[in-house]
PDB file of N, CA and C in Angstrom:
ATOM      1  N   MET A   1      99.530 115.767  52.289  1.00  0.00           N
ATOM      2  CA  MET A   1     100.787 115.921  52.290  1.00  0.00           C
ATOM      3  C   MET A   1     101.264 117.095  51.008  1.00  0.00           C
ATOM      4  N   GLN A   2     101.079 116.379  49.688  1.00  0.00           N
ATOM      5  CA  GLN A   2     101.012 117.223  48.795  1.00  0.00           C
ATOM      6  C   GLN A   2     100.986 118.957  49.033  1.00  0.00           C
ATOM      7  N   GLU A   3      99.834 118.959  49.293  1.00  0.00           N
ATOM      8  CA  GLU A   3      99.071 120.273  49.277  1.00  0.00           C
ATOM      9  C   GLU A   3      99.737 120.996  50.193  1.00  0.00           C
ATOM     10  N   GLN A   4     100.121 120.522  51.433  1.00  0.00           N
ATOM     11  CA  GLN A   4     100.875 121.199  52.273  1.00  0.00           C
ATOM     12  C   GLN A   4     102.114 121.697  51.949  1.00  0.00           C
ATOM     13  N   GLU A   5     102.934 121.072  51.102  1.00  0.00           N
ATOM     14  CA  GLU A   5     103.962 121.289  50.640  1.00  0.00           C
ATOM     15  C   GLU A   5     103.920 122.458  49.468  1.00  0.00           C
ATOM     16  N   THR A   6     102.883 122.219  48.710  1.00  0.00           N
ATOM     17  CA  THR A   6     102.777 123.429  47.646  1.00  0.00           C
ATOM     18  C   THR A   6     102.388 124.768  48.550  1.00  0.00           C
ATOM     19  N   GLY A   7     101.704 124.569  49.215  1.00  0.00           N
ATOM     20  CA  GLY A   7     100.946 125.746  50.393  1.00  0.00           C
ATOM     21  C   GLY A   7     101.953 126.383  51.049  1.00  0.00           C
ATOM     22  N   LEU A   8     102.732 125.681  51.586  1.00  0.00           N
ATOM     23  CA  LEU A   8     103.735 126.591  52.651  1.00  0.00           C
ATOM     24  C   LEU A   8     104.888 127.331  51.944  1.00  0.00           C
ATOM     25  N   PRO A   9     105.626 127.199  50.809  1.00  0.00           N
ATOM     26  CA  PRO A   9     106.425 128.165  50.385  1.00  0.00           C
ATOM     27  C   PRO A   9     105.403 129.447  49.925  1.00  0.00           C
ATOM     28  N   HIS A  10     103.939 129.146  49.535  1.00  0.00           N
ATOM     29  CA  HIS A  10     103.563 130.419  49.109  1.00  0.00           C
ATOM     30  C   HIS A  10     102.934 130.828  50.174  1.00  0.00           C
ATOM     31  N   ARG A  11     102.755 130.252  51.611  1.00  0.00           N
ATOM     32  CA  ARG A  11     102.278 131.304  52.704  1.00  0.00           C
ATOM     33  C   ARG A  11     103.634 131.804  53.000  1.00  0.00           C
ATOM     34  N   ALA A  12     104.980 131.083  53.236  1.00  0.00           N
ATOM     35  CA  ALA A  12     105.949 131.824  53.639  1.00  0.00           C
ATOM     36  C   ALA A  12     106.214 133.161  52.737  1.00  0.00           C
ATOM     37  N   LEU A  13     106.222 132.860  51.494  1.00  0.00           N
ATOM     38  CA  LEU A  13     106.432 134.007  50.503  1.00  0.00           C
ATOM     39  C   LEU A  13     105.267 135.355  50.870  1.00  0.00           C
ATOM     40  N   PHE A  14     104.000 134.981  51.048  1.00  0.00           N
ATOM     41  CA  PHE A  14     102.879 135.816  51.483  1.00  0.00           C
ATOM     42  C   PHE A  14     103.473 136.701  52.905  1.00  0.00           C
ATOM     43  N   ILE A  15     103.927 135.990  53.715  1.00  0.00           N
ATOM     44  CA  ILE A  15     104.409 136.364  55.257  1.00  0.00           C
ATOM     45  C   ILE A  15     105.629 137.143  54.759  1.00  0.00           C
ATOM     46  N   GLY A  16     106.766 136.829  54.024  1.00  0.00           N
ATOM     47  CA  GLY A  16     107.484 137.688  53.805  1.00  0.00           C
ATOM     48  C   GLY A  16     107.183 138.970  53.274  1.00  0.00           C
ATOM     49  N   LEU A  17     106.512 139.029  52.386  1.00  0.00           N
ATOM     50  CA  LEU A  17     106.173 140.170  51.574  1.00  0.00           C
ATOM     51  C   LEU A  17     105.302 140.905  52.609  1.00  0.00           C
ATOM     52  N   ILE A  18     104.387 140.486  53.254  1.00  0.00           N
ATOM     53  CA  ILE A  18     103.911 141.722  54.516  1.00  0.00           C
ATOM     54  C   ILE A  18     104.909 142.066  55.233  1.00  0.00           C
ATOM     55  N   LEU A  19     105.917 141.278  55.657  1.00  0.00           N
ATOM     56  CA  LEU A  19     107.018 141.673  56.564  1.00  0.00           C
ATOM     57  C   LEU A  19     107.816 142.752  55.869  1.00  0.00           C
ATOM     58  N   VAL A  20     108.069 142.479  54.839  1.00  0.00           N
ATOM     59  CA  VAL A  20     108.871 143.587  53.967  1.00  0.00           C
ATOM     60  C   VAL A  20     108.457 144.953  53.881  1.00  0.00           C
ATOM     61  N   VAL A  21     106.901 145.015  53.639  1.00  0.00           N
ATOM     62  CA  VAL A  21     105.803 145.823  53.276  1.00  0.00           C
ATOM     63  C   VAL A  21     105.818 146.632  54.491  1.00  0.00           C
ATOM     64  N   PHE A  22     105.666 145.779  55.816  1.00  0.00           N
ATOM     65  CA  PHE A  22     105.351 146.593  57.027  1.00  0.00           C
ATOM     66  C   PHE A  22     106.734 147.264  57.677  1.00  0.00           C
ATOM     67  N   LEU A  23     107.694 146.563  57.270  1.00  0.00           N
ATOM     68  CA  LEU A  23     109.211 147.108  57.709  1.00  0.00           C
ATOM     69  C   LEU A  23     109.471 148.109  56.865  1.00  0.00           C
ATOM     70  N   ALA A  24     109.168 148.287  55.856  1.00  0.00           N
ATOM     71  CA  ALA A  24     109.064 149.633  54.564  1.00  0.00           C
ATOM     72  C   ALA A  24     108.603 150.730  54.985  1.00  0.00           C
ATOM     73  N   ILE A  25     107.612 150.602  55.623  1.00  0.00           N
ATOM     74  CA  ILE A  25     106.360 151.518  55.984  1.00  0.00           C
ATOM     75  C   ILE A  25     106.312 151.862  57.521  1.00  0.00           C
ATOM     76  N   ALA A  26     106.640 151.028  58.526  1.00  0.00           N
ATOM     77  CA  ALA A  26     106.815 151.361  59.649  1.00  0.00           C
ATOM     78  C   ALA A  26     108.180 151.459  60.115  1.00  0.00           C
ATOM     79  N   GLY A  27     109.119 150.880  59.528  1.00  0.00           N
ATOM     80  CA  GLY A  27     110.590 151.534  60.027  1.00  0.00           C
ATOM     81  C   GLY A  27     110.966 152.459  60.056  1.00  0.00           C
ATOM     82  N   PRO A  28     111.103 153.291  58.870  1.00  0.00           N
ATOM     83  CA  PRO A  28     111.319 154.843  59.256  1.00  0.00           C
ATOM     84  C   PRO A  28     110.307 155.657  60.057  1.00  0.00           C
ATOM     85  N   TYR A  29     109.228 155.426  60.038  1.00  0.00           N
ATOM     86  CA  TYR A  29     108.064 156.082  60.794  1.00  0.00           C
ATOM     87  C   TYR A  29     108.210 155.609  62.484  1.00  0.00           C
ATOM     88  N   GLY A  30     108.903 154.297  62.710  1.00  0.00           N
ATOM     89  CA  GLY A  30     108.823 153.826  63.806  1.00  0.00           C
ATOM     90  C   GLY A  30     110.348 154.540  64.423  1.00  0.00           C
ATOM     91  N   HIS A  31     111.062 154.483  63.782  1.00  0.00           N
ATOM     92  CA  HIS A  31     112.444 155.115  64.304  1.00  0.00           C
ATOM     93  C   HIS A  31     112.346 156.519  64.368  1.00  0.00           C
ATOM     94  N   TYR A  32     111.349 157.292  63.508  1.00  0.00           N
ATOM     95  CA  TYR A  32     111.103 158.739  63.914  1.00  0.00           C
ATOM     96  C   TYR A  32     110.368 158.957  64.959  1.00  0.00           C
ATOM     97  N   GLN A  33     109.178 158.274  65.083  1.00  0.00           N
ATOM     98  CA  GLN A  33     108.628 158.098  66.241  1.00  0.00           C
ATOM     99  C   GLN A  33     109.345 157.739  67.645  1.00  0.00           C
ATOM    100  N   MET A  34     110.454 156.726  67.731  1.00  0.00           N
ATOM    101  CA  MET A  34     111.223 156.684  68.927  1.00  0.00           C
ATOM    102  C   MET A  34     111.996 157.861  69.189  1.00  0.00           C
ATOM    103  N   LYS A  35     112.425 158.275  67.844  1.00  0.00           N
ATOM    104  CA  LYS A  35     113.129 159.304  68.070  1.00  0.00           C
ATOM    105  C   LYS A  35     112.690 160.562  69.015  1.00  0.00           C
ATOM    106  N   THR A  36     111.283 160.763  68.596  1.00  0.00           N
ATOM    107  CA  THR A  36     110.519 162.017  69.108  1.00  0.00           C
ATOM    108  C   THR A  36     110.262 161.843  70.249  1.00  0.00           C
ATOM    109  N   THR A  37     109.746 160.448  70.794  1.00  0.00           N
ATOM    110  CA  THR A  37     109.588 159.869  72.213  1.00  0.00           C
ATOM    111  C   THR A  37     110.604 160.313  72.995  1.00  0.00           C
ATOM    112  N   LEU A  38     112.217 159.534  72.539  1.00  0.00           N
ATOM    113  CA  LEU A  38     113.105 159.796  73.487  1.00  0.00           C
ATOM    114  C   LEU A  38     113.244 161.610  73.501  1.00  0.00           C
ATOM    115  N   PHE A  39     112.940 161.953  72.868  1.00  0.00           N
ATOM    116  CA  PHE A  39     113.338 163.724  72.625  1.00  0.00           C
ATOM    117  C   PHE A  39     112.285 164.233  73.875  1.00  0.00           C
ATOM    118  N   TYR A  40     111.244 163.716  73.853  1.00  0.00           N
ATOM    119  CA  TYR A  40     110.223 164.367  74.893  1.00  0.00           C
ATOM    120  C   TYR A  40     110.484 163.714  76.153  1.00  0.00           C
ATOM    121  N   THR A  41     110.765 162.553  76.307  1.00  0.00           N
ATOM    122  CA  THR A  41     110.828 161.935  77.682  1.00  0.00           C
ATOM    123  C   THR A  41     112.385 162.818  78.184  1.00  0.00           C
ATOM    124  N   ASN A  42     113.384 162.881  77.470  1.00  0.00           N
ATOM    125  CA  ASN A  42     114.168 163.560  77.778  1.00  0.00           C
ATOM    126  C   ASN A  42     114.376 165.050  78.028  1.00  0.00           C
TER     127      ASN A  42
END
């Protein structure tokens, strides 16, 4: 039980870090891609 308690915040921090990095990289690129896709479809 103690191992889970110490491992959970570590995992949450790891997932949070990946999410932040993913949003930082894919956010502007995805927004740009969405704009171009809307432009081409319209």
